[in-house]
Amino acid sequence: MILTVTLNAALARTLVVPSLTFGHRHRAPTSVSLAGGKGINVARGLRALGVPVLATGFAGGRNGDAIRDGLSEAAIPFDLVEISGESRNSVAIVDPMNGVQTEINEHGPEVSPTEAREFFRRFEYLMEYADVVVFAGSVPPGLEESYLTSLVDRARERGLFTVVDSTPTVLKAALRSKPSLVSPNQHEAESVAGFDFMVEEDFPRGLSRLTELGAESACITSPEGHSYFKGKEGVISALAPIVERTSTIGSGDAYLAGLLCGTLYRKLGVVEAVRLAAGCAAANAEMPGACLFDPPRAEELASQVEVEVLSGGLQQSPGGH
């Protein structure tokens, strides 16, 4: 079972507003409200792919109730610690006419020391049923980066496969805990690596920097549909097929869900697992709302992903480029 940890869960709303002009009144012909936060998004993607998953984290107030309702409706098992503060809102406005999307995320509620201790206790219990733990998203006010790193350390001590996908500051701290996999987007990876990725060769350099800092393996996703993965087998680049994009919000989370499903549960070779990950990310971009992709569509797109082995002894299967 994969346990996803979302310390700063959100009630996430996506509004599709064609020809958005600031200062004018608009109607949104399409809107989607979901339980959100990166760890919950990953859980939704894993659930769609048939992977056993449980979502945990903090939730409070009416938004917390709505997050729980959303998880129940999606048939995602959860165990969320109740907090006194109101869980945050996250709003995305997508303009399909010009391909621009705007995200507005609240900081989130304060988490008290008592609530933090209760979560640590609950986390210890839940780890007994997990073989993988995904720590994804931001850390809420009132918690230091050291809180998340202590959770990663504890999961590592239990011998679990650990994944971290968080903000650059938190990710830098978590790398010292030597997670099994880190999964930043391009901007986050640039911040951690300390340089901008201007040409393709910069992505493998960035992956190497992430592993030098402590990660056992790493993947980086870019806004243009490129992704790069480095594991013990070598470095792979993948290019997803061109699709009619609605929103790329959650595509990185869908990629991670596909990668974990492929490598850990379907036991695919790493090249095929990367194809599945890129297919999930592309399918996600066709839909409003994070990780609401259609699994058969993801599989279809995965077969069209162009893969190149940049280093290592991997063999490409038929269909690779």
Protein backbone atom coordinates (compact mmCIF):
# COMPACT_ATOMS: atom_id res chain seq x y z
CA MET A 1 0.00 0.00 0.00
CA ILE A 2 1.17 3.54 -0.79
CA LEU A 3 0.64 6.11 1.96
CA THR A 4 0.46 9.72 0.74
CA VAL A 5 1.16 12.55 3.20
CA THR A 6 -0.40 15.97 2.53
CA LEU A 7 0.47 18.30 5.41
CA ASN A 8 -1.26 21.28 3.76
CA ALA A 9 -4.41 19.83 2.18
CA ALA A 10 -6.70 22.16 0.26
CA LEU A 11 -10.16 22.47 -1.18
CA ALA A 12 -9.13 22.88 -4.81
CA ARG A 13 -11.36 24.55 -7.37
CA THR A 14 -10.66 24.87 -11.09
CA LEU A 15 -12.64 27.39 -13.16
CA VAL A 16 -12.52 27.34 -16.96
CA VAL A 17 -12.99 30.92 -18.17
CA PRO A 18 -12.57 31.54 -21.93
CA SER A 19 -11.04 34.90 -22.92
CA LEU A 20 -10.38 35.99 -19.34
CA THR A 21 -9.91 39.75 -18.99
CA PHE A 22 -9.06 41.17 -15.57
CA GLY A 23 -11.45 43.85 -14.38
CA HIS A 24 -14.42 42.33 -16.23
CA ARG A 25 -17.24 40.04 -15.17
CA HIS A 26 -17.11 36.48 -16.51
CA ARG A 27 -19.07 33.27 -16.29
CA ALA A 28 -17.27 29.97 -15.95
CA PRO A 29 -18.95 27.34 -18.18
CA THR A 30 -16.97 24.60 -16.42
CA SER A 31 -15.88 24.29 -12.80
CA VAL A 32 -14.44 21.41 -10.78
CA SER A 33 -14.10 21.18 -6.99
CA LEU A 34 -11.85 18.51 -5.51
CA ALA A 35 -10.01 17.47 -2.40
CA GLY A 36 -6.58 18.86 -3.14
CA GLY A 37 -2.96 19.23 -2.17
CA LYS A 38 -0.22 17.37 -4.02
CA GLY A 39 -0.28 14.21 -1.91
CA ILE A 40 -4.05 13.90 -2.32
CA ASN A 41 -3.67 14.46 -6.06
CA VAL A 42 -1.14 11.62 -6.24
CA ALA A 43 -3.53 9.42 -4.25
CA ARG A 44 -6.30 10.16 -6.76
CA GLY A 45 -4.02 9.21 -9.65
CA LEU A 46 -2.91 5.99 -7.93
CA ARG A 47 -6.51 5.07 -7.16
CA ALA A 48 -7.42 5.53 -10.83
CA LEU A 49 -4.58 3.17 -11.79
CA GLY A 50 -5.77 0.53 -9.34
CA VAL A 51 -2.92 0.91 -6.83
CA PRO A 52 -3.79 0.41 -3.12
CA VAL A 53 -3.44 3.83 -1.48
CA LEU A 54 -4.34 5.71 1.69
CA ALA A 55 -4.22 9.50 2.08
CA THR A 56 -3.23 11.14 5.35
CA GLY A 57 -2.42 14.66 6.55
CA PHE A 58 -4.19 17.53 8.29
CA ALA A 59 -7.69 18.89 7.64
CA GLY A 60 -9.85 21.36 9.54
CA GLY A 61 -13.05 23.40 9.44
CA ARG A 62 -15.71 23.30 6.75
CA ASN A 63 -13.08 22.99 4.06
CA GLY A 64 -11.70 20.01 5.95
CA ASP A 65 -15.15 18.42 5.88
CA ALA A 66 -15.35 19.09 2.13
CA ILE A 67 -11.92 17.49 1.64
CA ARG A 68 -13.07 14.37 3.48
CA ASP A 69 -16.30 14.30 1.43
CA GLY A 70 -14.27 14.61 -1.78
CA LEU A 71 -12.02 11.71 -0.82
CA SER A 72 -15.04 9.58 0.06
CA GLU A 73 -16.71 10.36 -3.27
CA ALA A 74 -13.51 9.36 -5.08
CA ALA A 75 -13.33 6.11 -3.06
CA ILE A 76 -9.90 7.06 -1.73
CA PRO A 77 -9.28 5.67 1.78
CA PHE A 78 -8.07 8.38 4.17
CA ASP A 79 -7.08 9.07 7.75
CA LEU A 80 -6.79 12.84 8.29
CA VAL A 81 -5.92 14.48 11.60
CA GLU A 82 -8.47 17.13 12.58
CA ILE A 83 -7.01 20.58 13.30
CA SER A 84 -8.66 23.68 14.75
CA GLY A 85 -7.72 25.89 11.80
CA GLU A 86 -9.58 26.08 8.48
CA SER A 87 -7.98 24.12 5.65
CA ARG A 88 -6.92 26.37 2.79
CA ASN A 89 -8.52 27.12 -0.55
CA SER A 90 -6.72 26.69 -3.84
CA VAL A 91 -8.19 28.29 -6.96
CA ALA A 92 -7.05 27.80 -10.55
CA ILE A 93 -8.47 29.88 -13.40
CA VAL A 94 -7.88 28.32 -16.81
CA ASP A 95 -8.33 30.26 -20.06
CA PRO A 96 -8.47 27.69 -22.88
CA MET A 97 -8.51 30.38 -25.56
CA ASN A 98 -4.97 31.59 -24.88
CA GLY A 99 -3.60 28.63 -22.97
CA VAL A 100 -2.95 30.62 -19.79
CA GLN A 101 -3.71 29.36 -16.31
CA THR A 102 -3.58 31.35 -13.07
CA GLU A 103 -3.27 29.74 -9.65
CA ILE A 104 -4.12 31.39 -6.32
CA ASN A 105 -3.14 29.34 -3.28
CA GLU A 106 -3.70 30.32 0.33
CA HIS A 107 -0.88 29.69 2.81
CA GLY A 108 -2.92 27.34 4.95
CA PRO A 109 -3.81 27.17 8.64
CA GLU A 110 -1.45 27.13 11.60
CA VAL A 111 -0.77 23.65 12.97
CA SER A 112 -0.31 23.55 16.74
CA PRO A 113 2.39 21.49 18.49
CA THR A 114 -0.33 19.24 19.92
CA GLU A 115 -1.79 18.60 16.46
CA ALA A 116 1.68 17.94 15.07
CA ARG A 117 2.38 15.36 17.79
CA GLU A 118 -0.96 13.67 17.12
CA PHE A 119 -0.13 13.36 13.44
CA PHE A 120 3.28 11.86 14.20
CA ARG A 121 1.58 9.28 16.41
CA ARG A 122 -0.98 8.47 13.72
CA PHE A 123 1.77 8.31 11.09
CA GLU A 124 3.67 5.68 13.09
CA TYR A 125 0.55 3.52 13.11
CA LEU A 126 -0.24 3.94 9.40
CA MET A 127 3.29 3.04 8.34
CA GLU A 128 2.69 -0.50 9.58
CA TYR A 129 0.44 -1.04 6.55
CA ALA A 130 2.58 0.76 3.94
CA ASP A 131 5.56 -0.12 1.81
CA VAL A 132 5.81 3.31 0.14
CA VAL A 133 5.32 6.80 1.60
CA VAL A 134 4.86 9.88 -0.61
CA PHE A 135 5.44 13.26 1.04
CA ALA A 136 4.01 15.85 -1.33
CA GLY A 137 3.12 19.53 -1.17
CA SER A 138 3.96 22.47 1.05
CA VAL A 139 4.44 22.58 4.82
CA PRO A 140 1.74 24.63 6.60
CA PRO A 141 2.48 27.57 8.90
CA GLY A 142 3.57 26.52 12.36
CA LEU A 143 5.65 23.60 11.12
CA GLU A 144 9.34 23.75 10.23
CA GLU A 145 11.06 21.87 7.41
CA SER A 146 12.55 19.69 10.15
CA TYR A 147 9.08 18.29 10.89
CA LEU A 148 8.78 16.80 7.41
CA THR A 149 12.38 15.56 7.43
CA SER A 150 11.71 13.80 10.75
CA LEU A 151 8.81 11.99 9.07
CA VAL A 152 11.03 11.01 6.14
CA ASP A 153 13.72 9.79 8.55
CA ARG A 154 11.21 7.68 10.43
CA ALA A 155 9.88 6.10 7.23
CA ARG A 156 13.45 5.35 6.13
CA GLU A 157 14.17 3.73 9.50
CA ARG A 158 11.16 1.49 8.91
CA GLY A 159 12.66 0.41 5.58
CA LEU A 160 9.96 2.05 3.44
CA PHE A 161 10.41 3.49 -0.06
CA THR A 162 10.20 7.27 0.42
CA VAL A 163 9.22 9.91 -2.13
CA VAL A 164 9.46 13.69 -1.64
CA ASP A 165 7.86 16.34 -3.90
CA SER A 166 7.75 19.68 -2.11
CA THR A 167 8.79 23.31 -2.31
CA PRO A 168 12.51 24.01 -2.95
CA THR A 169 13.28 24.94 0.66
CA VAL A 170 11.63 21.82 2.05
CA LEU A 171 13.09 19.63 -0.68
CA LYS A 172 16.62 20.83 0.08
CA ALA A 173 16.16 19.91 3.72
CA ALA A 174 14.58 16.54 2.87
CA LEU A 175 17.45 15.55 0.58
CA ARG A 176 19.64 15.20 3.66
CA SER A 177 17.34 12.36 4.73
CA LYS A 178 18.29 10.46 1.53
CA PRO A 179 14.80 9.77 0.12
CA SER A 180 14.35 6.97 -2.39
CA LEU A 181 12.94 9.35 -5.03
CA VAL A 182 12.41 13.08 -5.45
CA SER A 183 10.02 14.46 -8.08
CA PRO A 184 10.32 18.25 -8.56
CA ASN A 185 9.15 20.24 -11.56
CA GLN A 186 11.68 22.19 -13.59
CA HIS A 187 11.42 25.41 -11.56
CA GLU A 188 11.79 23.58 -8.25
CA ALA A 189 14.71 21.53 -9.55
CA GLU A 190 16.49 24.67 -10.78
CA SER A 191 16.13 26.26 -7.35
CA VAL A 192 17.60 23.22 -5.60
CA ALA A 193 20.33 22.57 -8.16
CA GLY A 194 21.40 26.23 -8.18
CA PHE A 195 21.30 26.88 -11.94
CA ASP A 196 18.78 27.40 -14.75
CA PHE A 197 18.13 24.62 -17.25
CA MET A 198 18.75 26.37 -20.56
CA VAL A 199 19.54 23.40 -22.83
CA GLU A 200 18.66 19.71 -22.67
CA GLU A 201 22.05 18.79 -21.20
CA ASP A 202 21.18 20.83 -18.11
CA PHE A 203 18.43 18.39 -17.10
CA PRO A 204 20.78 15.40 -16.58
CA ARG A 205 23.12 17.78 -14.73
CA GLY A 206 20.21 18.79 -12.51
CA LEU A 207 19.33 15.14 -11.87
CA SER A 208 22.94 14.44 -10.92
CA ARG A 209 22.89 17.36 -8.52
CA LEU A 210 19.74 16.01 -6.84
CA THR A 211 21.33 12.60 -6.37
CA GLU A 212 24.59 14.16 -5.15
CA LEU A 213 22.56 15.98 -2.49
CA GLY A 214 21.08 12.72 -1.23
CA ALA A 215 18.29 11.31 -3.42
CA GLU A 216 18.66 7.72 -4.57
CA SER A 217 16.74 8.52 -7.77
CA ALA A 218 15.11 11.61 -9.23
CA CYS A 219 12.74 12.77 -11.93
CA ILE A 220 12.12 16.25 -13.32
CA THR A 221 9.07 17.34 -15.32
CA SER A 222 9.01 20.40 -17.58
CA PRO A 223 6.03 22.49 -18.77
CA GLU A 224 6.60 21.48 -22.42
CA GLY A 225 5.86 17.81 -21.85
CA HIS A 226 9.47 16.71 -21.43
CA SER A 227 10.49 14.63 -18.43
CA TYR A 228 13.77 13.19 -17.22
CA PHE A 229 14.43 10.30 -14.87
CA LYS A 230 17.63 9.11 -13.22
CA GLY A 231 17.89 5.82 -11.38
CA LYS A 232 20.56 3.22 -10.84
CA GLU A 233 19.94 1.97 -14.40
CA GLY A 234 20.79 5.30 -16.04
CA VAL A 235 19.16 8.50 -17.32
CA ILE A 236 16.05 8.56 -19.52
CA SER A 237 14.30 11.43 -21.27
CA ALA A 238 10.70 11.22 -22.42
CA LEU A 239 8.55 13.44 -24.60
CA ALA A 240 4.78 13.09 -24.23
CA PRO A 241 2.60 13.33 -27.36
CA ILE A 242 0.96 16.63 -28.18
CA VAL A 243 -2.59 16.82 -26.82
CA GLU A 244 -5.27 19.48 -26.68
CA ARG A 245 -4.50 20.90 -23.26
CA THR A 246 -7.18 22.12 -20.90
CA SER A 247 -5.03 22.51 -17.78
CA THR A 248 -1.60 21.22 -16.80
CA ILE A 249 -2.37 21.60 -13.07
CA GLY A 250 -1.64 18.27 -11.43
CA SER A 251 0.27 16.84 -14.41
CA GLY A 252 3.40 16.44 -12.29
CA ASP A 253 1.34 14.58 -9.69
CA ALA A 254 -0.14 12.36 -12.42
CA TYR A 255 3.39 11.66 -13.69
CA LEU A 256 4.49 10.59 -10.22
CA ALA A 257 1.44 8.35 -9.80
CA GLY A 258 2.16 6.68 -13.12
CA LEU A 259 5.84 6.23 -12.32
CA LEU A 260 5.14 4.63 -8.94
CA CYS A 261 2.45 2.40 -10.42
CA GLY A 262 4.75 1.27 -13.22
CA THR A 263 7.91 0.65 -11.21
CA LEU A 264 6.58 -0.62 -7.90
CA TYR A 265 3.26 -2.31 -8.68
CA ARG A 266 3.24 -3.37 -12.32
CA LYS A 267 6.97 -4.20 -12.10
CA LEU A 268 7.57 -2.68 -15.54
CA GLY A 269 11.03 -1.96 -16.84
CA VAL A 270 12.03 1.61 -16.15
CA VAL A 271 11.58 2.68 -19.78
CA GLU A 272 7.98 1.42 -19.86
CA ALA A 273 7.31 2.91 -16.42
CA VAL A 274 8.48 6.32 -17.66
CA ARG A 275 6.21 5.94 -20.68
CA LEU A 276 3.25 5.25 -18.41
CA ALA A 277 4.15 8.25 -16.23
CA ALA A 278 4.35 10.59 -19.23
CA GLY A 279 1.09 9.18 -20.59
CA CYS A 280 -0.68 9.91 -17.31
CA ALA A 281 0.69 13.47 -17.30
CA ALA A 282 -0.51 14.07 -20.88
CA ALA A 283 -3.96 12.61 -20.15
CA ASN A 284 -4.20 14.84 -17.10
CA ALA A 285 -3.58 17.93 -19.23
CA GLU A 286 -6.69 17.15 -21.29
CA MET A 287 -8.97 17.46 -18.25
CA PRO A 288 -9.76 20.26 -15.77
CA GLY A 289 -8.89 19.26 -12.21
CA ALA A 290 -5.79 17.50 -10.92
CA CYS A 291 -5.40 13.74 -11.57
CA LEU A 292 -8.84 13.23 -13.06
CA PHE A 293 -7.31 11.51 -16.08
CA ASP A 294 -8.92 8.52 -17.78
CA PRO A 295 -6.66 5.45 -17.30
CA PRO A 296 -7.34 3.92 -20.78
CA ARG A 297 -6.52 7.29 -22.35
CA ALA A 298 -3.31 7.45 -20.31
CA GLU A 299 -2.34 3.99 -21.59
CA GLU A 300 -3.08 5.07 -25.16
CA LEU A 301 -0.91 8.17 -24.83
CA ALA A 302 1.83 6.16 -23.10
CA SER A 303 2.26 4.08 -26.25
CA GLN A 304 3.02 7.31 -28.15
CA VAL A 305 5.65 8.66 -25.73
CA GLU A 306 9.08 9.16 -27.30
CA VAL A 307 11.82 7.80 -25.05
CA GLU A 308 15.58 8.29 -25.30
CA VAL A 309 18.17 6.61 -23.10
CA LEU A 310 20.76 9.27 -22.35
CA SER A 311 23.13 7.15 -20.27
CA GLY A 312 23.37 3.69 -18.74
CA GLY A 313 22.86 0.21 -20.11
CA LEU A 314 19.11 0.33 -20.66
CA GLN A 315 17.56 -1.11 -23.81
CA GLN A 316 14.68 0.69 -25.47
CA SER A 317 11.69 -1.41 -26.32
CA PRO A 318 10.01 -1.11 -29.76
CA GLY A 319 8.38 2.26 -30.26
CA GLY A 320 11.16 4.22 -28.56
CA HIS A 321 12.93 7.05 -30.37
